[in-house]
Each structure stands twice: as C-alpha cells, then as structure tokens.
Amino acid sequence: LAASGDLMGEAPRCEHKPDTDRGQGSGVRNKKTEIIWEEEASERL
C-alpha cells in the first residue's frame, strides 16, 4: 500500500521469483481442496 497505493499490489523488498508452474497465476489464492472433519476431530477442536 505504501509503495503503490494498492492494498493488493506486489509486495516490495522480495527477491523471490515465482515458479509460475506451481503458482496460481490468477491473482487469487490457490483453489483449496475441500476438507471434511470427522465428528470426533471436530469435537476435539
């Protein structure tokens, strides 16, 4: 935000060059696999 005025802008001071084959390349977080919780695990949480 300070560098570009855009809250979603590219973060400065980062040396990493993305691996576009592994990254999402769409501007949104990777689509996540749906996770199902077993009832006992849910109770433990």
PDB file of all heavy atoms in Angstrom:
ATOM      1  N   LEU A   1       0.829  -1.208   0.000  1.00  0.00           N
ATOM      2  CA  LEU A   1       0.000   0.000   0.000  1.00  0.00           C
ATOM      3  C   LEU A   1       0.863   1.258   0.000  1.00  0.00           C
ATOM      4  O   LEU A   1       0.590   2.209  -0.739  1.00  0.00           O
ATOM      5  CB  LEU A   1      -0.920  -0.014   1.224  1.00  0.00           C
ATOM      6  CG  LEU A   1      -1.903   1.144   1.358  1.00  0.00           C
ATOM      7  CD1 LEU A   1      -2.911   1.132   0.213  1.00  0.00           C
ATOM      8  CD2 LEU A   1      -2.639   1.069   2.697  1.00  0.00           C
ATOM      9  N   ALA A   2       1.926   1.251   0.832  1.00  0.00           N
ATOM     10  CA  ALA A   2       2.801   2.422   0.912  1.00  0.00           C
ATOM     11  C   ALA A   2       3.561   2.650  -0.387  1.00  0.00           C
ATOM     12  O   ALA A   2       3.787   3.793  -0.794  1.00  0.00           O
ATOM     13  CB  ALA A   2       3.785   2.254   2.069  1.00  0.00           C
ATOM     14  N   ALA A   3       3.944   1.556  -1.063  1.00  0.00           N
ATOM     15  CA  ALA A   3       4.766   1.674  -2.267  1.00  0.00           C
ATOM     16  C   ALA A   3       3.955   2.005  -3.513  1.00  0.00           C
ATOM     17  O   ALA A   3       4.411   2.757  -4.383  1.00  0.00           O
ATOM     18  CB  ALA A   3       5.548   0.377  -2.487  1.00  0.00           C
ATOM     19  N   SER A   4       2.743   1.431  -3.610  1.00  0.00           N
ATOM     20  CA  SER A   4       1.984   1.561  -4.855  1.00  0.00           C
ATOM     21  C   SER A   4       0.601   2.174  -4.688  1.00  0.00           C
ATOM     22  O   SER A   4      -0.054   2.512  -5.679  1.00  0.00           O
ATOM     23  CB  SER A   4       1.827   0.177  -5.507  1.00  0.00           C
ATOM     24  OG  SER A   4       0.984  -0.652  -4.716  1.00  0.00           O
ATOM     25  N   GLY A   5       0.138   2.291  -3.451  1.00  0.00           N
ATOM     26  CA  GLY A   5      -1.217   2.775  -3.230  1.00  0.00           C
ATOM     27  C   GLY A   5      -2.263   1.698  -3.397  1.00  0.00           C
ATOM     28  O   GLY A   5      -3.458   1.955  -3.265  1.00  0.00           O
ATOM     29  N   ASP A   6      -1.817   0.460  -3.681  1.00  0.00           N
ATOM     30  CA  ASP A   6      -2.725  -0.664  -3.913  1.00  0.00           C
ATOM     31  C   ASP A   6      -2.532  -1.692  -2.806  1.00  0.00           C
ATOM     32  O   ASP A   6      -1.457  -2.275  -2.664  1.00  0.00           O
ATOM     33  CB  ASP A   6      -2.437  -1.290  -5.275  1.00  0.00           C
ATOM     34  CG  ASP A   6      -3.422  -2.405  -5.642  1.00  0.00           C
ATOM     35  OD1 ASP A   6      -4.262  -2.764  -4.786  1.00  0.00           O
ATOM     36  OD2 ASP A   6      -3.345  -2.920  -6.769  1.00  0.00           O
ATOM     37  N   LEU A   7      -3.571  -1.924  -2.019  1.00  0.00           N
ATOM     38  CA  LEU A   7      -3.501  -2.876  -0.921  1.00  0.00           C
ATOM     39  C   LEU A   7      -3.149  -4.279  -1.400  1.00  0.00           C
ATOM     40  O   LEU A   7      -2.493  -5.047  -0.687  1.00  0.00           O
ATOM     41  CB  LEU A   7      -4.842  -2.900  -0.175  1.00  0.00           C
ATOM     42  CG  LEU A   7      -4.927  -3.706   1.120  1.00  0.00           C
ATOM     43  CD1 LEU A   7      -3.983  -3.143   2.175  1.00  0.00           C
ATOM     44  CD2 LEU A   7      -6.360  -3.718   1.642  1.00  0.00           C
ATOM     45  N   MET A   8      -3.556  -4.615  -2.610  1.00  0.00           N
ATOM     46  CA  MET A   8      -3.289  -5.946  -3.158  1.00  0.00           C
ATOM     47  C   MET A   8      -2.077  -5.951  -4.095  1.00  0.00           C
ATOM     48  O   MET A   8      -1.826  -6.929  -4.803  1.00  0.00           O
ATOM     49  CB  MET A   8      -4.517  -6.454  -3.920  1.00  0.00           C
ATOM     50  CG  MET A   8      -5.725  -6.725  -3.047  1.00  0.00           C
ATOM     51  SD  MET A   8      -5.483  -8.137  -1.930  1.00  0.00           S
ATOM     52  CE  MET A   8      -5.445  -7.310  -0.339  1.00  0.00           C
ATOM     53  N   GLY A   9      -1.336  -4.858  -4.105  1.00  0.00           N
ATOM     54  CA  GLY A   9      -0.208  -4.734  -5.013  1.00  0.00           C
ATOM     55  C   GLY A   9       0.940  -5.674  -4.699  1.00  0.00           C
ATOM     56  O   GLY A   9       0.975  -6.337  -3.659  1.00  0.00           O
ATOM     57  N   GLU A  10       1.892  -5.714  -5.608  1.00  0.00           N
ATOM     58  CA  GLU A  10       3.079  -6.551  -5.432  1.00  0.00           C
ATOM     59  C   GLU A  10       3.877  -6.051  -4.236  1.00  0.00           C
ATOM     60  O   GLU A  10       4.146  -4.862  -4.102  1.00  0.00           O
ATOM     61  CB  GLU A  10       3.924  -6.500  -6.703  1.00  0.00           C
ATOM     62  CG  GLU A  10       5.189  -7.324  -6.646  1.00  0.00           C
ATOM     63  CD  GLU A  10       5.927  -7.303  -7.983  1.00  0.00           C
ATOM     64  OE1 GLU A  10       5.362  -7.792  -8.975  1.00  0.00           O
ATOM     65  OE2 GLU A  10       7.057  -6.793  -8.029  1.00  0.00           O
ATOM     66  N   ALA A  11       4.248  -6.974  -3.355  1.00  0.00           N
ATOM     67  CA  ALA A  11       4.996  -6.589  -2.161  1.00  0.00           C
ATOM     68  C   ALA A  11       6.434  -6.249  -2.524  1.00  0.00           C
ATOM     69  O   ALA A  11       7.123  -7.054  -3.160  1.00  0.00           O
ATOM     70  CB  ALA A  11       4.968  -7.712  -1.136  1.00  0.00           C
ATOM     71  N   PRO A  12       6.909  -5.079  -2.140  1.00  0.00           N
ATOM     72  CA  PRO A  12       8.307  -4.729  -2.416  1.00  0.00           C
ATOM     73  C   PRO A  12       9.257  -5.476  -1.481  1.00  0.00           C
ATOM     74  O   PRO A  12       8.832  -6.130  -0.539  1.00  0.00           O
ATOM     75  CB  PRO A  12       8.342  -3.222  -2.143  1.00  0.00           C
ATOM     76  CG  PRO A  12       7.255  -2.997  -1.147  1.00  0.00           C
ATOM     77  CD  PRO A  12       6.180  -4.003  -1.474  1.00  0.00           C
ATOM     78  N   ARG A  13      10.546  -5.378  -1.764  1.00  0.00           N
ATOM     79  CA  ARG A  13      11.611  -5.959  -0.941  1.00  0.00           C
ATOM     80  C   ARG A  13      11.623  -7.485  -0.961  1.00  0.00           C
ATOM     81  O   ARG A  13      12.122  -8.114  -0.045  1.00  0.00           O
ATOM     82  CB  ARG A  13      11.510  -5.481   0.511  1.00  0.00           C
ATOM     83  CG  ARG A  13      11.665  -3.974   0.682  1.00  0.00           C
ATOM     84  CD  ARG A  13      13.085  -3.542   0.292  1.00  0.00           C
ATOM     85  NE  ARG A  13      13.307  -2.124   0.477  1.00  0.00           N
ATOM     86  CZ  ARG A  13      13.144  -1.206  -0.463  1.00  0.00           C
ATOM     87  NH1 ARG A  13      12.721  -1.561  -1.670  1.00  0.00           N
ATOM     88  NH2 ARG A  13      13.405   0.051  -0.231  1.00  0.00           N
ATOM     89  N   CYS A  14      11.051  -8.090  -2.000  1.00  0.00           N
ATOM     90  CA  CYS A  14      11.063  -9.553  -2.105  1.00  0.00           C
ATOM     91  C   CYS A  14      11.923  -9.978  -3.280  1.00  0.00           C
ATOM     92  O   CYS A  14      11.697  -9.546  -4.414  1.00  0.00           O
ATOM     93  CB  CYS A  14       9.649 -10.102  -2.280  1.00  0.00           C
ATOM     94  SG  CYS A  14       9.605 -11.909  -2.406  1.00  0.00           S
ATOM     95  N   GLU A  15      12.899 -10.823  -3.017  1.00  0.00           N
ATOM     96  CA  GLU A  15      13.833 -11.301  -4.040  1.00  0.00           C
ATOM     97  C   GLU A  15      13.322 -12.522  -4.798  1.00  0.00           C
ATOM     98  O   GLU A  15      13.875 -12.887  -5.828  1.00  0.00           O
ATOM     99  CB  GLU A  15      15.165 -11.662  -3.371  1.00  0.00           C
ATOM    100  CG  GLU A  15      16.068 -10.495  -3.059  1.00  0.00           C
ATOM    101  CD  GLU A  15      16.837 -10.049  -4.286  1.00  0.00           C
ATOM    102  OE1 GLU A  15      17.916 -10.615  -4.564  1.00  0.00           O
ATOM    103  OE2 GLU A  15      16.339  -9.150  -4.984  1.00  0.00           O
ATOM    104  N   HIS A  16      12.261 -13.149  -4.271  1.00  0.00           N
ATOM    105  CA  HIS A  16      11.822 -14.414  -4.849  1.00  0.00           C
ATOM    106  C   HIS A  16      11.176 -14.231  -6.215  1.00  0.00           C
ATOM    107  O   HIS A  16      10.353 -13.343  -6.419  1.00  0.00           O
ATOM    108  CB  HIS A  16      10.823 -15.091  -3.913  1.00  0.00           C
ATOM    109  CG  HIS A  16      10.311 -16.395  -4.422  1.00  0.00           C
ATOM    110  ND1 HIS A  16      11.126 -17.488  -4.624  1.00  0.00           N
ATOM    111  CD2 HIS A  16       9.058 -16.783  -4.792  1.00  0.00           C
ATOM    112  CE1 HIS A  16      10.395 -18.495  -5.085  1.00  0.00           C
ATOM    113  NE2 HIS A  16       9.152 -18.098  -5.194  1.00  0.00           N
ATOM    114  N   LYS A  17      11.571 -15.097  -7.146  1.00  0.00           N
ATOM    115  CA  LYS A  17      10.950 -15.129  -8.473  1.00  0.00           C
ATOM    116  C   LYS A  17      10.009 -16.320  -8.506  1.00  0.00           C
ATOM    117  O   LYS A  17      10.449 -17.471  -8.434  1.00  0.00           O
ATOM    118  CB  LYS A  17      12.016 -15.240  -9.567  1.00  0.00           C
ATOM    119  CG  LYS A  17      12.915 -14.002  -9.669  1.00  0.00           C
ATOM    120  CD  LYS A  17      13.952 -14.171 -10.760  1.00  0.00           C
ATOM    121  CE  LYS A  17      14.738 -12.876 -10.968  1.00  0.00           C
ATOM    122  NZ  LYS A  17      15.392 -12.418  -9.715  1.00  0.00           N
ATOM    123  N   PRO A  18       8.703 -16.092  -8.620  1.00  0.00           N
ATOM    124  CA  PRO A  18       7.726 -17.177  -8.533  1.00  0.00           C
ATOM    125  C   PRO A  18       7.931 -18.254  -9.581  1.00  0.00           C
ATOM    126  O   PRO A  18       8.330 -17.975 -10.720  1.00  0.00           O
ATOM    127  CB  PRO A  18       6.385 -16.463  -8.747  1.00  0.00           C
ATOM    128  CG  PRO A  18       6.644 -15.049  -8.375  1.00  0.00           C
ATOM    129  CD  PRO A  18       8.063 -14.776  -8.787  1.00  0.00           C
ATOM    130  N   ASP A  19       7.656 -19.476  -9.176  1.00  0.00           N
ATOM    131  CA  ASP A  19       7.600 -20.602 -10.096  1.00  0.00           C
ATOM    132  C   ASP A  19       6.182 -20.632 -10.650  1.00  0.00           C
ATOM    133  O   ASP A  19       5.255 -21.131 -10.006  1.00  0.00           O
ATOM    134  CB  ASP A  19       7.925 -21.898  -9.337  1.00  0.00           C
ATOM    135  CG  ASP A  19       7.910 -23.117 -10.241  1.00  0.00           C
ATOM    136  OD1 ASP A  19       7.411 -23.021 -11.376  1.00  0.00           O
ATOM    137  OD2 ASP A  19       8.393 -24.183  -9.806  1.00  0.00           O
ATOM    138  N   THR A  20       5.987 -20.073 -11.815  1.00  0.00           N
ATOM    139  CA  THR A  20       4.629 -19.912 -12.358  1.00  0.00           C
ATOM    140  C   THR A  20       3.962 -21.244 -12.673  1.00  0.00           C
ATOM    141  O   THR A  20       2.738 -21.313 -12.811  1.00  0.00           O
ATOM    142  CB  THR A  20       4.642 -19.049 -13.627  1.00  0.00           C
ATOM    143  OG1 THR A  20       5.587 -19.593 -14.560  1.00  0.00           O
ATOM    144  CG2 THR A  20       5.038 -17.622 -13.284  1.00  0.00           C
ATOM    145  N   ASP A  21       4.756 -22.312 -12.780  1.00  0.00           N
ATOM    146  CA  ASP A  21       4.152 -23.632 -13.000  1.00  0.00           C
ATOM    147  C   ASP A  21       3.471 -24.139 -11.737  1.00  0.00           C
ATOM    148  O   ASP A  21       2.544 -24.931 -11.785  1.00  0.00           O
ATOM    149  CB  ASP A  21       5.207 -24.648 -13.440  1.00  0.00           C
ATOM    150  CG  ASP A  21       5.728 -24.359 -14.830  1.00  0.00           C
ATOM    151  OD1 ASP A  21       4.967 -23.775 -15.623  1.00  0.00           O
ATOM    152  OD2 ASP A  21       6.886 -24.705 -15.119  1.00  0.00           O
ATOM    153  N   ARG A  22       3.990 -23.660 -10.572  1.00  0.00           N
ATOM    154  CA  ARG A  22       3.415 -24.091  -9.292  1.00  0.00           C
ATOM    155  C   ARG A  22       2.465 -23.052  -8.720  1.00  0.00           C
ATOM    156  O   ARG A  22       1.557 -23.369  -7.972  1.00  0.00           O
ATOM    157  CB  ARG A  22       4.538 -24.364  -8.282  1.00  0.00           C
ATOM    158  CG  ARG A  22       5.431 -25.524  -8.655  1.00  0.00           C
ATOM    159  CD  ARG A  22       6.603 -25.619  -7.696  1.00  0.00           C
ATOM    160  NE  ARG A  22       6.149 -25.792  -6.331  1.00  0.00           N
ATOM    161  CZ  ARG A  22       6.926 -25.601  -5.263  1.00  0.00           C
ATOM    162  NH1 ARG A  22       8.175 -25.206  -5.422  1.00  0.00           N
ATOM    163  NH2 ARG A  22       6.458 -25.791  -4.049  1.00  0.00           N
ATOM    164  N   GLY A  23       2.670 -21.789  -9.067  1.00  0.00           N
ATOM    165  CA  GLY A  23       1.813 -20.724  -8.554  1.00  0.00           C
ATOM    166  C   GLY A  23       0.480 -20.711  -9.273  1.00  0.00           C
ATOM    167  O   GLY A  23       0.279 -21.386 -10.279  1.00  0.00           O
ATOM    168  N   GLN A  24      -0.469 -19.900  -8.767  1.00  0.00           N
ATOM    169  CA  GLN A  24      -1.794 -19.913  -9.356  1.00  0.00           C
ATOM    170  C   GLN A  24      -1.902 -19.027 -10.585  1.00  0.00           C
ATOM    171  O   GLN A  24      -2.676 -19.296 -11.473  1.00  0.00           O
ATOM    172  CB  GLN A  24      -2.856 -19.511  -8.312  1.00  0.00           C
ATOM    173  CG  GLN A  24      -2.704 -18.122  -7.744  1.00  0.00           C
ATOM    174  CD  GLN A  24      -1.830 -18.113  -6.511  1.00  0.00           C
ATOM    175  OE1 GLN A  24      -0.968 -18.978  -6.342  1.00  0.00           O
ATOM    176  NE2 GLN A  24      -2.021 -17.145  -5.654  1.00  0.00           N
ATOM    177  N   GLY A  25      -1.173 -17.936 -10.640  1.00  0.00           N
ATOM    178  CA  GLY A  25      -1.151 -17.085 -11.817  1.00  0.00           C
ATOM    179  C   GLY A  25      -2.445 -16.379 -12.144  1.00  0.00           C
ATOM    180  O   GLY A  25      -2.631 -15.903 -13.243  1.00  0.00           O
ATOM    181  N   SER A  26      -3.362 -16.309 -11.166  1.00  0.00           N
ATOM    182  CA  SER A  26      -4.656 -15.693 -11.456  1.00  0.00           C
ATOM    183  C   SER A  26      -4.985 -14.531 -10.536  1.00  0.00           C
ATOM    184  O   SER A  26      -6.036 -13.918 -10.673  1.00  0.00           O
ATOM    185  CB  SER A  26      -5.766 -16.746 -11.322  1.00  0.00           C
ATOM    186  OG  SER A  26      -5.816 -17.233  -9.998  1.00  0.00           O
ATOM    187  N   GLY A  27      -4.082 -14.228  -9.617  1.00  0.00           N
ATOM    188  CA  GLY A  27      -4.332 -13.125  -8.697  1.00  0.00           C
ATOM    189  C   GLY A  27      -5.157 -13.496  -7.489  1.00  0.00           C
ATOM    190  O   GLY A  27      -5.492 -12.666  -6.676  1.00  0.00           O
ATOM    191  N   VAL A  28      -5.515 -14.767  -7.358  1.00  0.00           N
ATOM    192  CA  VAL A  28      -6.254 -15.219  -6.182  1.00  0.00           C
ATOM    193  C   VAL A  28      -5.513 -16.387  -5.560  1.00  0.00           C
ATOM    194  O   VAL A  28      -4.642 -16.990  -6.168  1.00  0.00           O
ATOM    195  CB  VAL A  28      -7.694 -15.666  -6.549  1.00  0.00           C
ATOM    196  CG1 VAL A  28      -8.472 -14.507  -7.085  1.00  0.00           C
ATOM    197  CG2 VAL A  28      -7.678 -16.812  -7.569  1.00  0.00           C
ATOM    198  N   ARG A  29      -5.889 -16.710  -4.344  1.00  0.00           N
ATOM    199  CA  ARG A  29      -5.230 -17.833  -3.680  1.00  0.00           C
ATOM    200  C   ARG A  29      -5.545 -19.126  -4.419  1.00  0.00           C
ATOM    201  O   ARG A  29      -6.565 -19.260  -5.090  1.00  0.00           O
ATOM    202  CB  ARG A  29      -5.716 -17.956  -2.228  1.00  0.00           C
ATOM    203  CG  ARG A  29      -5.222 -16.843  -1.333  1.00  0.00           C
ATOM    204  CD  ARG A  29      -5.506 -17.237   0.108  1.00  0.00           C
ATOM    205  NE  ARG A  29      -5.228 -16.153   1.032  1.00  0.00           N
ATOM    206  CZ  ARG A  29      -4.045 -15.893   1.533  1.00  0.00           C
ATOM    207  NH1 ARG A  29      -3.016 -16.631   1.188  1.00  0.00           N
ATOM    208  NH2 ARG A  29      -3.864 -14.895   2.373  1.00  0.00           N
ATOM    209  N   ASN A  30      -4.644 -20.114  -4.276  1.00  0.00           N
ATOM    210  CA  ASN A  30      -4.867 -21.404  -4.898  1.00  0.00           C
ATOM    211  C   ASN A  30      -6.222 -21.976  -4.486  1.00  0.00           C
ATOM    212  O   ASN A  30      -6.646 -21.839  -3.338  1.00  0.00           O
ATOM    213  CB  ASN A  30      -3.790 -22.405  -4.445  1.00  0.00           C
ATOM    214  CG  ASN A  30      -2.438 -22.052  -5.006  1.00  0.00           C
ATOM    215  OD1 ASN A  30      -2.344 -21.509  -6.092  1.00  0.00           O
ATOM    216  ND2 ASN A  30      -1.400 -22.354  -4.256  1.00  0.00           N
ATOM    217  N   LYS A  31      -6.893 -22.610  -5.436  1.00  0.00           N
ATOM    218  CA  LYS A  31      -8.139 -23.278  -5.106  1.00  0.00           C
ATOM    219  C   LYS A  31      -7.841 -24.405  -4.140  1.00  0.00           C
ATOM    220  O   LYS A  31      -6.992 -25.254  -4.394  1.00  0.00           O
ATOM    221  CB  LYS A  31      -8.800 -23.835  -6.370  1.00  0.00           C
ATOM    222  CG  LYS A  31     -10.163 -24.453  -6.104  1.00  0.00           C
ATOM    223  CD  LYS A  31     -10.810 -24.928  -7.373  1.00  0.00           C
ATOM    224  CE  LYS A  31     -12.170 -25.530  -7.095  1.00  0.00           C
ATOM    225  NZ  LYS A  31     -12.821 -26.026  -8.328  1.00  0.00           N
ATOM    226  N   LYS A  32      -8.554 -24.424  -3.007  1.00  0.00           N
ATOM    227  CA  LYS A  32      -8.226 -25.365  -1.958  1.00  0.00           C
ATOM    228  C   LYS A  32      -9.119 -26.590  -2.017  1.00  0.00           C
ATOM    229  O   LYS A  32     -10.318 -26.504  -2.276  1.00  0.00           O
ATOM    230  CB  LYS A  32      -8.369 -24.686  -0.594  1.00  0.00           C
ATOM    231  CG  LYS A  32      -7.373 -23.553  -0.397  1.00  0.00           C
ATOM    232  CD  LYS A  32      -7.572 -22.908   0.948  1.00  0.00           C
ATOM    233  CE  LYS A  32      -6.557 -21.798   1.179  1.00  0.00           C
ATOM    234  NZ  LYS A  32      -6.760 -21.117   2.471  1.00  0.00           N
ATOM    235  N   THR A  33      -8.514 -27.742  -1.771  1.00  0.00           N
ATOM    236  CA  THR A  33      -9.264 -28.979  -1.674  1.00  0.00           C
ATOM    237  C   THR A  33     -10.227 -28.884  -0.501  1.00  0.00           C
ATOM    238  O   THR A  33      -9.870 -28.425   0.584  1.00  0.00           O
ATOM    239  CB  THR A  33      -8.305 -30.162  -1.442  1.00  0.00           C
ATOM    240  OG1 THR A  33      -7.347 -30.187  -2.490  1.00  0.00           O
ATOM    241  CG2 THR A  33      -9.067 -31.473  -1.386  1.00  0.00           C
ATOM    242  N   GLU A  34     -11.468 -29.305  -0.703  1.00  0.00           N
ATOM    243  CA  GLU A  34     -12.437 -29.279   0.389  1.00  0.00           C
ATOM    244  C   GLU A  34     -12.003 -30.257   1.472  1.00  0.00           C
ATOM    245  O   GLU A  34     -11.654 -31.408   1.199  1.00  0.00           O
ATOM    246  CB  GLU A  34     -13.830 -29.648  -0.121  1.00  0.00           C
ATOM    247  CG  GLU A  34     -14.880 -29.615   0.976  1.00  0.00           C
ATOM    248  CD  GLU A  34     -16.254 -30.014   0.469  1.00  0.00           C
ATOM    249  OE1 GLU A  34     -16.361 -30.397  -0.709  1.00  0.00           O
ATOM    250  OE2 GLU A  34     -17.206 -29.948   1.269  1.00  0.00           O
ATOM    251  N   ILE A  35     -11.998 -29.791   2.690  1.00  0.00           N
ATOM    252  CA  ILE A  35     -11.587 -30.615   3.819  1.00  0.00           C
ATOM    253  C   ILE A  35     -12.813 -30.973   4.657  1.00  0.00           C
ATOM    254  O   ILE A  35     -13.594 -30.093   5.045  1.00  0.00           O
ATOM    255  CB  ILE A  35     -10.553 -29.883   4.702  1.00  0.00           C
ATOM    256  CG1 ILE A  35      -9.274 -29.598   3.901  1.00  0.00           C
ATOM    257  CG2 ILE A  35     -10.230 -30.703   5.945  1.00  0.00           C
ATOM    258  CD1 ILE A  35      -8.481 -30.825   3.509  1.00  0.00           C
ATOM    259  N   ILE A  36     -12.979 -32.247   4.934  1.00  0.00           N
ATOM    260  CA  ILE A  36     -14.071 -32.735   5.765  1.00  0.00           C
ATOM    261  C   ILE A  36     -13.504 -33.161   7.119  1.00  0.00           C
ATOM    262  O   ILE A  36     -12.479 -33.840   7.188  1.00  0.00           O
ATOM    263  CB  ILE A  36     -14.782 -33.934   5.115  1.00  0.00           C
ATOM    264  CG1 ILE A  36     -15.315 -33.553   3.730  1.00  0.00           C
ATOM    265  CG2 ILE A  36     -15.913 -34.437   6.017  1.00  0.00           C
ATOM    266  CD1 ILE A  36     -16.365 -32.470   3.750  1.00  0.00           C
ATOM    267  N   TRP A  37     -14.161 -32.743   8.172  1.00  0.00           N
ATOM    268  CA  TRP A  37     -13.740 -33.090   9.529  1.00  0.00           C
ATOM    269  C   TRP A  37     -14.588 -34.242  10.065  1.00  0.00           C
ATOM    270  O   TRP A  37     -15.816 -34.185  10.022  1.00  0.00           O
ATOM    271  CB  TRP A  37     -13.902 -31.888  10.457  1.00  0.00           C
ATOM    272  CG  TRP A  37     -12.853 -30.826  10.264  1.00  0.00           C
ATOM    273  CD1 TRP A  37     -12.683 -30.019   9.180  1.00  0.00           C
ATOM    274  CD2 TRP A  37     -11.839 -30.464  11.197  1.00  0.00           C
ATOM    275  NE1 TRP A  37     -11.630 -29.174   9.362  1.00  0.00           N
ATOM    276  CE2 TRP A  37     -11.085 -29.410  10.600  1.00  0.00           C
ATOM    277  CE3 TRP A  37     -11.495 -30.897  12.476  1.00  0.00           C
ATOM    278  CZ2 TRP A  37     -10.004 -28.809  11.246  1.00  0.00           C
ATOM    279  CZ3 TRP A  37     -10.425 -30.294  13.130  1.00  0.00           C
ATOM    280  CH2 TRP A  37      -9.693 -29.275  12.512  1.00  0.00           C
ATOM    281  N   GLU A  38     -13.931 -35.291  10.571  1.00  0.00           N
ATOM    282  CA  GLU A  38     -14.671 -36.327  11.272  1.00  0.00           C
ATOM    283  C   GLU A  38     -15.236 -35.739  12.561  1.00  0.00           C
ATOM    284  O   GLU A  38     -14.649 -34.836  13.158  1.00  0.00           O
ATOM    285  CB  GLU A  38     -13.771 -37.522  11.577  1.00  0.00           C
ATOM    286  CG  GLU A  38     -13.362 -38.284  10.330  1.00  0.00           C
ATOM    287  CD  GLU A  38     -12.645 -39.590  10.652  1.00  0.00           C
ATOM    288  OE1 GLU A  38     -12.382 -39.839  11.851  1.00  0.00           O
ATOM    289  OE2 GLU A  38     -12.361 -40.352   9.712  1.00  0.00           O
ATOM    290  N   GLU A  39     -16.375 -36.237  12.975  1.00  0.00           N
ATOM    291  CA  GLU A  39     -17.071 -35.642  14.115  1.00  0.00           C
ATOM    292  C   GLU A  39     -16.199 -35.632  15.371  1.00  0.00           C
ATOM    293  O   GLU A  39     -16.174 -34.646  16.117  1.00  0.00           O
ATOM    294  CB  GLU A  39     -18.364 -36.413  14.380  1.00  0.00           C
ATOM    295  CG  GLU A  39     -19.221 -35.767  15.458  1.00  0.00           C
ATOM    296  CD  GLU A  39     -20.578 -36.434  15.590  1.00  0.00           C
ATOM    297  OE1 GLU A  39     -20.911 -37.279  14.741  1.00  0.00           O
ATOM    298  OE2 GLU A  39     -21.290 -36.093  16.545  1.00  0.00           O
ATOM    299  N   GLU A  40     -15.457 -36.696  15.610  1.00  0.00           N
ATOM    300  CA  GLU A  40     -14.604 -36.765  16.796  1.00  0.00           C
ATOM    301  C   GLU A  40     -13.496 -35.715  16.736  1.00  0.00           C
ATOM    302  O   GLU A  40     -13.142 -35.097  17.748  1.00  0.00           O
ATOM    303  CB  GLU A  40     -14.006 -38.165  16.933  1.00  0.00           C
ATOM    304  CG  GLU A  40     -13.285 -38.385  18.253  1.00  0.00           C
ATOM    305  CD  GLU A  40     -12.770 -39.807  18.403  1.00  0.00           C
ATOM    306  OE1 GLU A  40     -13.256 -40.706  17.679  1.00  0.00           O
ATOM    307  OE2 GLU A  40     -11.870 -40.017  19.242  1.00  0.00           O
ATOM    308  N   ALA A  41     -12.963 -35.496  15.530  1.00  0.00           N
ATOM    309  CA  ALA A  41     -11.929 -34.473  15.362  1.00  0.00           C
ATOM    310  C   ALA A  41     -12.519 -33.087  15.579  1.00  0.00           C
ATOM    311  O   ALA A  41     -11.890 -32.206  16.188  1.00  0.00           O
ATOM    312  CB  ALA A  41     -11.315 -34.578  13.970  1.00  0.00           C
ATOM    313  N   SER A  42     -13.737 -32.888  15.072  1.00  0.00           N
ATOM    314  CA  SER A  42     -14.416 -31.609  15.260  1.00  0.00           C
ATOM    315  C   SER A  42     -14.634 -31.319  16.736  1.00  0.00           C
ATOM    316  O   SER A  42     -14.450 -30.190  17.208  1.00  0.00           O
ATOM    317  CB  SER A  42     -15.757 -31.625  14.513  1.00  0.00           C
ATOM    318  OG  SER A  42     -16.477 -30.442  14.741  1.00  0.00           O
ATOM    319  N   GLU A  43     -15.013 -32.346  17.504  1.00  0.00           N
ATOM    320  CA  GLU A  43     -15.208 -32.176  18.942  1.00  0.00           C
ATOM    321  C   GLU A  43     -13.891 -31.863  19.635  1.00  0.00           C
ATOM    322  O   GLU A  43     -13.833 -31.046  20.556  1.00  0.00           O
ATOM    323  CB  GLU A  43     -15.836 -33.445  19.536  1.00  0.00           C
ATOM    324  CG  GLU A  43     -17.293 -33.641  19.178  1.00  0.00           C
ATOM    325  CD  GLU A  43     -18.169 -32.507  19.688  1.00  0.00           C
ATOM    326  OE1 GLU A  43     -18.005 -32.123  20.864  1.00  0.00           O
ATOM    327  OE2 GLU A  43     -18.988 -31.992  18.907  1.00  0.00           O
ATOM    328  N   ARG A  44     -12.821 -32.496  19.176  1.00  0.00           N
ATOM    329  CA  ARG A  44     -11.512 -32.257  19.785  1.00  0.00           C
ATOM    330  C   ARG A  44     -11.067 -30.806  19.551  1.00  0.00           C
ATOM    331  O   ARG A  44     -10.436 -30.196  20.411  1.00  0.00           O
ATOM    332  CB  ARG A  44     -10.487 -33.231  19.202  1.00  0.00           C
ATOM    333  CG  ARG A  44      -9.091 -33.056  19.767  1.00  0.00           C
ATOM    334  CD  ARG A  44      -8.193 -34.217  19.395  1.00  0.00           C
ATOM    335  NE  ARG A  44      -6.843 -33.997  19.896  1.00  0.00           N
ATOM    336  CZ  ARG A  44      -5.913 -34.940  19.954  1.00  0.00           C
ATOM    337  NH1 ARG A  44      -6.185 -36.169  19.567  1.00  0.00           N
ATOM    338  NH2 ARG A  44      -4.707 -34.660  20.414  1.00  0.00           N
ATOM    339  N   LEU A  45     -11.404 -30.266  18.390  1.00  0.00           N
ATOM    340  CA  LEU A  45     -11.030 -28.885  18.081  1.00  0.00           C
ATOM    341  C   LEU A  45     -11.653 -27.907  19.079  1.00  0.00           C
ATOM    342  O   LEU A  45     -11.086 -26.855  19.369  1.00  0.00           O
ATOM    343  CB  LEU A  45     -11.466 -28.534  16.656  1.00  0.00           C
ATOM    344  CG  LEU A  45     -11.042 -27.154  16.138  1.00  0.00           C
ATOM    345  CD1 LEU A  45      -9.528 -27.055  16.010  1.00  0.00           C
ATOM    346  CD2 LEU A  45     -11.701 -26.859  14.799  1.00  0.00           C
TER     347      LEU A  45
END
